[in-house]
Amino acid sequence: MPITSSAKKALRQSAKRKIQNAKVKKATRLVVKQFRGLLAQKDKDNAKKLMPQLMKFLDKATKTGVLKKNTVSRLKSRAAKALAKLS
C-alpha cells in the first residue's frame, strides 16, 4: 500500500484511468465487432454508415493513448480494405 500522500493520489488517479480506459476499449471493440458482423452478413450499406463511427472511435482511442497508433492504423486499414472488397 502507498505510504506518501503523493503515492496515494497516484493510486487513485491510476484506478480512475483504468476504469475510463476500459470503457473506451470496450466501446471500440463493440463497434469493431458490429462492423465485422455487417461485413460477414454482406450488408454493404449499413457497413458504409458505420465506417465513420468506427474511425471516430479508433481515432479517439489513439488520441487518449488507450490504443497504440500502429494498432489503430492496422484496424482502420483492414476495415477499409474489407469494405472495398465487399463493394
C-alpha atoms as a PDB file:
ATOM      1  CA  MET A   1       0.000   0.000   0.000  1.00  0.00           C
ATOM      2  CA  PRO A   2       1.197   3.541  -0.677  1.00  0.00           C
ATOM      3  CA  ILE A   3       2.630   5.472   2.237  1.00  0.00           C
ATOM      4  CA  THR A   4       3.128   9.024   0.997  1.00  0.00           C
ATOM      5  CA  SER A   5       0.226  11.242   0.066  1.00  0.00           C
ATOM      6  CA  SER A   6       1.515  11.620  -3.491  1.00  0.00           C
ATOM      7  CA  ALA A   7       1.610   7.849  -3.896  1.00  0.00           C
ATOM      8  CA  LYS A   8      -1.940   7.597  -2.576  1.00  0.00           C
ATOM      9  CA  LYS A   9      -3.087  10.201  -5.088  1.00  0.00           C
ATOM     10  CA  ALA A  10      -1.250   8.412  -7.894  1.00  0.00           C
ATOM     11  CA  LEU A  11      -3.052   5.199  -6.961  1.00  0.00           C
ATOM     12  CA  ARG A  12      -6.429   6.963  -7.072  1.00  0.00           C
ATOM     13  CA  GLN A  13      -5.623   8.500 -10.457  1.00  0.00           C
ATOM     14  CA  SER A  14      -4.432   5.175 -11.785  1.00  0.00           C
ATOM     15  CA  ALA A  15      -7.681   3.483 -10.731  1.00  0.00           C
ATOM     16  CA  LYS A  16      -9.776   6.200 -12.418  1.00  0.00           C
ATOM     17  CA  ARG A  17      -7.746   5.962 -15.626  1.00  0.00           C
ATOM     18  CA  LYS A  18      -8.044   2.186 -15.654  1.00  0.00           C
ATOM     19  CA  ILE A  19     -11.849   2.391 -15.490  1.00  0.00           C
ATOM     20  CA  GLN A  20     -12.030   5.084 -18.188  1.00  0.00           C
ATOM     21  CA  ASN A  21      -9.623   3.225 -20.495  1.00  0.00           C
ATOM     22  CA  ALA A  22     -11.608   0.010 -20.072  1.00  0.00           C
ATOM     23  CA  LYS A  23     -14.802   1.839 -21.112  1.00  0.00           C
ATOM     24  CA  VAL A  24     -13.144   3.238 -24.225  1.00  0.00           C
ATOM     25  CA  LYS A  25     -11.657  -0.150 -25.151  1.00  0.00           C
ATOM     26  CA  LYS A  26     -14.984  -1.905 -24.674  1.00  0.00           C
ATOM     27  CA  ALA A  27     -16.878   0.634 -26.779  1.00  0.00           C
ATOM     28  CA  THR A  28     -14.247   0.407 -29.505  1.00  0.00           C
ATOM     29  CA  ARG A  29     -14.319  -3.392 -29.526  1.00  0.00           C
ATOM     30  CA  LEU A  30     -18.123  -3.287 -29.740  1.00  0.00           C
ATOM     31  CA  VAL A  31     -18.082  -1.054 -32.822  1.00  0.00           C
ATOM     32  CA  VAL A  32     -15.378  -3.183 -34.471  1.00  0.00           C
ATOM     33  CA  LYS A  33     -17.418  -6.302 -33.760  1.00  0.00           C
ATOM     34  CA  GLN A  34     -20.580  -4.719 -35.201  1.00  0.00           C
ATOM     35  CA  PHE A  35     -18.676  -3.682 -38.318  1.00  0.00           C
ATOM     36  CA  ARG A  36     -17.247  -7.164 -38.804  1.00  0.00           C
ATOM     37  CA  GLY A  37     -20.712  -8.633 -38.306  1.00  0.00           C
ATOM     38  CA  LEU A  38     -22.110  -6.408 -41.035  1.00  0.00           C
ATOM     39  CA  LEU A  39     -19.282  -7.456 -43.342  1.00  0.00           C
ATOM     40  CA  ALA A  40     -19.998 -11.117 -42.600  1.00  0.00           C
ATOM     41  CA  GLN A  41     -23.651 -10.553 -43.496  1.00  0.00           C
ATOM     42  CA  LYS A  42     -22.537  -8.702 -46.637  1.00  0.00           C
ATOM     43  CA  ASP A  43     -24.594  -5.672 -45.550  1.00  0.00           C
ATOM     44  CA  LYS A  44     -22.680  -3.064 -47.544  1.00  0.00           C
ATOM     45  CA  ASP A  45     -24.990  -0.094 -46.897  1.00  0.00           C
ATOM     46  CA  ASN A  46     -25.008  -0.367 -43.114  1.00  0.00           C
ATOM     47  CA  ALA A  47     -21.283  -1.109 -43.061  1.00  0.00           C
ATOM     48  CA  LYS A  48     -20.664   2.121 -45.001  1.00  0.00           C
ATOM     49  CA  LYS A  49     -22.799   4.025 -42.495  1.00  0.00           C
ATOM     50  CA  LEU A  50     -20.904   2.509 -39.560  1.00  0.00           C
ATOM     51  CA  MET A  51     -17.452   3.180 -41.052  1.00  0.00           C
ATOM     52  CA  PRO A  52     -17.194   6.869 -39.929  1.00  0.00           C
ATOM     53  CA  GLN A  53     -18.263   5.922 -36.411  1.00  0.00           C
ATOM     54  CA  LEU A  54     -15.650   3.165 -36.359  1.00  0.00           C
ATOM     55  CA  MET A  55     -12.927   5.571 -37.487  1.00  0.00           C
ATOM     56  CA  LYS A  56     -14.010   8.109 -34.865  1.00  0.00           C
ATOM     57  CA  PHE A  57     -13.828   5.568 -32.031  1.00  0.00           C
ATOM     58  CA  LEU A  58     -10.423   4.327 -33.167  1.00  0.00           C
ATOM     59  CA  ASP A  59      -9.012   7.840 -33.536  1.00  0.00           C
ATOM     60  CA  LYS A  60     -10.247   8.856 -30.098  1.00  0.00           C
ATOM     61  CA  ALA A  61      -8.722   5.739 -28.569  1.00  0.00           C
ATOM     62  CA  THR A  62      -5.388   6.648 -30.145  1.00  0.00           C
ATOM     63  CA  LYS A  63      -5.591  10.286 -29.139  1.00  0.00           C
ATOM     64  CA  THR A  64      -6.155   9.421 -25.490  1.00  0.00           C
ATOM     65  CA  GLY A  65      -3.439   6.756 -25.507  1.00  0.00           C
ATOM     66  CA  VAL A  66      -5.757   3.809 -24.919  1.00  0.00           C
ATOM     67  CA  LEU A  67      -4.685   2.038 -28.107  1.00  0.00           C
ATOM     68  CA  LYS A  68      -1.372   2.324 -29.898  1.00  0.00           C
ATOM     69  CA  LYS A  69      -1.100   4.233 -33.153  1.00  0.00           C
ATOM     70  CA  ASN A  70       0.011   1.273 -35.261  1.00  0.00           C
ATOM     71  CA  THR A  71      -2.731  -0.966 -33.849  1.00  0.00           C
ATOM     72  CA  VAL A  72      -5.385   1.554 -34.830  1.00  0.00           C
ATOM     73  CA  SER A  73      -3.761   2.093 -38.205  1.00  0.00           C
ATOM     74  CA  ARG A  74      -3.870  -1.652 -38.853  1.00  0.00           C
ATOM     75  CA  LEU A  75      -7.518  -1.929 -37.791  1.00  0.00           C
ATOM     76  CA  LYS A  76      -8.557   1.031 -39.947  1.00  0.00           C
ATOM     77  CA  SER A  77      -6.666  -0.309 -42.936  1.00  0.00           C
ATOM     78  CA  ARG A  78      -8.197  -3.766 -42.656  1.00  0.00           C
ATOM     79  CA  ALA A  79     -11.690  -2.307 -42.220  1.00  0.00           C
ATOM     80  CA  ALA A  80     -11.352  -0.108 -45.297  1.00  0.00           C
ATOM     81  CA  LYS A  81      -9.905  -2.971 -47.315  1.00  0.00           C
ATOM     82  CA  ALA A  82     -12.723  -5.326 -46.286  1.00  0.00           C
ATOM     83  CA  LEU A  83     -15.372  -2.728 -47.134  1.00  0.00           C
ATOM     84  CA  ALA A  84     -13.794  -2.105 -50.543  1.00  0.00           C
ATOM     85  CA  LYS A  85     -13.662  -5.846 -51.191  1.00  0.00           C
ATOM     86  CA  LEU A  86     -17.380  -6.096 -50.359  1.00  0.00           C
ATOM     87  CA  SER A  87     -18.277  -3.347 -52.813  1.00  0.00           C
END
